[in-house]
Amino acid sequence: ATALPSFTATAGLDRGLNAFAVASAQMVGSIGSIVVRIVAPVLVSHASPRRRLTVVAGLIAVGSTGLVMLFTGVPALFTLGAVLGFAAGWGWNGLYNQVVATSAPDRVATATGMTQAGVFLGGVGGPALFALIVARTDFSTAWLSMAVLMAIASGAALAGRPRPDRRPAPSGTF
């Protein structure tokens, strides 16, 4: 999703959208991201870590769907895709951090530090990979590639969920 702010304007203009439409999609998507980052953790704060990671996976999947809409090049879908990509594709981070922090309350800094290393690696590598794909192909291929990577990330979040256990887990663990 980190390729969105860097490339949505250029890609939108390339697709024939006017600057106002592209900027509006980015603004609405950014506001959506802020809302999702705040509201999602509040809504599922009392859910199990398994359920919260399911919501994280769902948000990433919705963000991936937004990138598929960008891939199509259809102006209306491009606009909606940008909003979904920003709101859900970036909005999952707050809930993810909540899951990590609450799963290791005695070592929050270590746990979030480890997971954030991966998040930031993607944040740096994503736009660079996107630019490389655009340079060698086109925007559609780049958006589709990023959508596939986000779908894989969604699957990884599902795979990383703690298994349901019939015995109650000790406090602060999965």
Protein backbone atom coordinates (compact mmCIF):
# COMPACT_ATOMS: atom_id res chain seq x y z
CA ALA A 1 0.00 0.00 0.00
CA THR A 2 2.95 2.34 0.39
CA ALA A 3 3.07 2.80 -3.38
CA LEU A 4 -0.33 4.53 -3.24
CA PRO A 5 0.71 8.00 -2.10
CA SER A 6 3.71 8.01 -4.40
CA PHE A 7 2.05 6.81 -7.57
CA THR A 8 -1.72 7.34 -7.39
CA ALA A 9 -1.55 10.84 -8.86
CA THR A 10 0.73 9.89 -11.74
CA ALA A 11 -1.22 6.71 -12.46
CA GLY A 12 -4.57 8.51 -12.26
CA LEU A 13 -3.46 11.24 -14.64
CA ASP A 14 -2.08 8.53 -16.92
CA ARG A 15 -5.56 6.95 -16.90
CA GLY A 16 -7.20 10.20 -17.95
CA LEU A 17 -8.53 11.36 -14.59
CA ASN A 18 -8.27 15.04 -13.89
CA ALA A 19 -6.14 16.37 -11.04
CA PHE A 20 -9.19 17.23 -8.92
CA ALA A 21 -10.54 13.65 -9.12
CA VAL A 22 -7.17 12.14 -8.24
CA ALA A 23 -6.55 14.54 -5.35
CA SER A 24 -10.08 13.98 -4.04
CA ALA A 25 -9.61 10.21 -4.08
CA GLN A 26 -6.33 10.57 -2.21
CA MET A 27 -7.85 12.89 0.40
CA VAL A 28 -10.93 10.74 0.98
CA GLY A 29 -8.77 7.63 1.14
CA SER A 30 -6.38 9.25 3.61
CA ILE A 31 -9.24 10.31 5.85
CA GLY A 32 -10.63 6.77 5.55
CA SER A 33 -7.27 5.37 6.63
CA ILE A 34 -7.20 7.58 9.70
CA VAL A 35 -10.75 6.56 10.62
CA VAL A 36 -10.05 2.84 10.12
CA ARG A 37 -6.82 3.04 12.15
CA ILE A 38 -8.76 4.50 15.07
CA VAL A 39 -12.11 2.72 14.79
CA ALA A 40 -11.01 -0.86 13.99
CA PRO A 41 -9.00 -1.36 17.19
CA VAL A 42 -11.81 0.12 19.26
CA LEU A 43 -14.48 -2.06 17.65
CA VAL A 44 -12.63 -5.33 18.18
CA SER A 45 -10.59 -4.50 21.29
CA HIS A 46 -12.40 -7.13 23.34
CA ALA A 47 -12.14 -9.83 20.67
CA SER A 48 -9.62 -12.62 20.78
CA PRO A 49 -6.25 -12.16 19.07
CA ARG A 50 -7.42 -14.72 16.49
CA ARG A 51 -10.49 -12.63 15.66
CA ARG A 52 -8.49 -9.40 15.55
CA LEU A 53 -5.97 -10.93 13.13
CA THR A 54 -8.91 -12.10 11.01
CA VAL A 55 -10.04 -8.47 10.82
CA VAL A 56 -6.47 -7.41 9.92
CA ALA A 57 -6.47 -10.00 7.11
CA GLY A 58 -9.85 -8.75 5.94
CA LEU A 59 -8.68 -5.15 5.81
CA ILE A 60 -5.59 -6.13 3.84
CA ALA A 61 -7.80 -8.14 1.46
CA VAL A 62 -10.08 -5.12 0.93
CA GLY A 63 -6.99 -3.00 0.26
CA SER A 64 -5.86 -5.61 -2.27
CA THR A 65 -9.25 -5.39 -3.96
CA GLY A 66 -8.76 -1.63 -4.19
CA LEU A 67 -5.46 -2.16 -5.99
CA VAL A 68 -7.16 -4.55 -8.42
CA MET A 69 -9.60 -1.71 -9.16
CA LEU A 70 -6.63 0.54 -9.91
CA PHE A 71 -5.35 -2.16 -12.25
CA THR A 72 -8.49 -1.98 -14.41
CA GLY A 73 -7.84 1.58 -15.49
CA VAL A 74 -11.58 2.35 -15.49
CA PRO A 75 -11.80 5.90 -14.06
CA ALA A 76 -14.69 5.23 -11.62
CA LEU A 77 -13.06 2.01 -10.42
CA PHE A 78 -9.71 3.77 -10.19
CA THR A 79 -11.21 6.38 -7.86
CA LEU A 80 -12.98 3.80 -5.69
CA GLY A 81 -9.87 1.60 -5.70
CA ALA A 82 -7.70 4.46 -4.49
CA VAL A 83 -10.10 5.13 -1.61
CA LEU A 84 -10.27 1.44 -0.64
CA GLY A 85 -6.53 1.02 -1.04
CA PHE A 86 -5.80 3.93 1.26
CA ALA A 87 -8.53 3.27 3.82
CA ALA A 88 -8.20 -0.49 4.21
CA GLY A 89 -4.76 -1.07 2.72
CA TRP A 90 -3.24 1.35 5.20
CA GLY A 91 -5.88 1.20 7.90
CA TRP A 92 -4.99 -2.23 9.27
CA ASN A 93 -1.78 -1.03 10.94
CA GLY A 94 -3.36 0.29 14.12
CA LEU A 95 -5.23 -2.93 14.80
CA TYR A 96 -2.15 -5.00 13.96
CA ASN A 97 -0.08 -3.05 16.48
CA GLN A 98 -2.80 -3.58 19.08
CA VAL A 99 -2.71 -7.35 18.50
CA VAL A 100 1.08 -7.44 18.79
CA ALA A 101 1.16 -5.26 21.91
CA THR A 102 -1.59 -7.13 23.74
CA SER A 103 -0.14 -10.53 22.87
CA ALA A 104 3.15 -9.67 24.59
CA PRO A 105 2.32 -7.15 27.33
CA ASP A 106 5.57 -7.80 29.17
CA ARG A 107 7.69 -7.18 26.07
CA VAL A 108 5.74 -4.73 23.93
CA ALA A 109 8.81 -2.88 22.64
CA THR A 110 10.52 -6.09 21.52
CA ALA A 111 7.38 -7.52 19.90
CA THR A 112 6.40 -4.37 18.05
CA GLY A 113 10.01 -3.70 17.09
CA MET A 114 10.25 -7.11 15.44
CA THR A 115 6.99 -6.79 13.54
CA GLN A 116 7.59 -3.18 12.58
CA ALA A 117 10.90 -4.16 10.99
CA GLY A 118 8.91 -6.16 8.44
CA VAL A 119 6.32 -3.44 8.00
CA PHE A 120 8.99 -0.82 7.36
CA LEU A 121 10.93 -3.09 5.02
CA GLY A 122 7.76 -3.33 2.94
CA GLY A 123 7.27 0.40 3.27
CA VAL A 124 10.67 1.05 1.76
CA GLY A 125 10.75 -1.81 -0.72
CA GLY A 126 7.16 -1.52 -1.98
CA PRO A 127 7.45 1.82 -3.77
CA ALA A 128 10.86 0.89 -5.19
CA LEU A 129 9.50 -2.40 -6.53
CA PHE A 130 6.44 -0.60 -7.88
CA ALA A 131 8.63 1.94 -9.70
CA LEU A 132 10.75 -0.85 -11.16
CA ILE A 133 7.67 -2.67 -12.44
CA VAL A 134 6.22 0.53 -13.95
CA ALA A 135 9.54 1.30 -15.64
CA ARG A 136 9.66 -2.16 -17.22
CA THR A 137 5.93 -2.60 -17.95
CA ASP A 138 3.07 -0.26 -17.05
CA PHE A 139 0.90 0.94 -14.17
CA SER A 140 -1.66 -1.85 -14.58
CA THR A 141 0.97 -4.54 -14.12
CA ALA A 142 2.42 -2.73 -11.12
CA TRP A 143 -0.99 -2.33 -9.42
CA LEU A 144 -1.82 -5.98 -10.07
CA SER A 145 1.56 -7.06 -8.69
CA MET A 146 1.00 -5.05 -5.52
CA ALA A 147 -2.54 -6.46 -5.21
CA VAL A 148 -1.12 -9.99 -5.36
CA LEU A 149 1.48 -9.16 -2.69
CA MET A 150 -1.26 -7.73 -0.47
CA ALA A 151 -3.36 -10.85 -0.99
CA ILE A 152 -0.37 -12.92 0.12
CA ALA A 153 0.00 -10.67 3.17
CA SER A 154 -3.66 -11.21 3.97
CA GLY A 155 -3.12 -14.95 3.80
CA ALA A 156 -0.06 -14.63 6.03
CA ALA A 157 -2.12 -12.78 8.64
CA LEU A 158 -4.67 -15.58 8.56
CA ALA A 159 -1.96 -18.22 8.80
CA GLY A 160 -0.37 -16.40 11.73
CA ARG A 161 -3.49 -16.41 13.83
CA PRO A 162 -3.25 -18.38 17.04
CA ARG A 163 -5.01 -21.71 16.89
CA PRO A 164 -8.18 -22.04 18.89
CA ASP A 165 -7.48 -23.84 22.12
CA ARG A 166 -10.01 -25.43 24.37
CA ARG A 167 -7.94 -24.57 27.42
CA PRO A 168 -7.77 -20.91 28.36
CA ALA A 169 -4.39 -19.44 27.49
CA PRO A 170 -2.35 -17.71 30.19
CA SER A 171 -2.93 -13.99 30.28
CA GLY A 172 -0.96 -12.03 27.68
CA THR A 173 -0.32 -14.94 25.31
CA PHE A 174 -1.98 -16.34 22.25
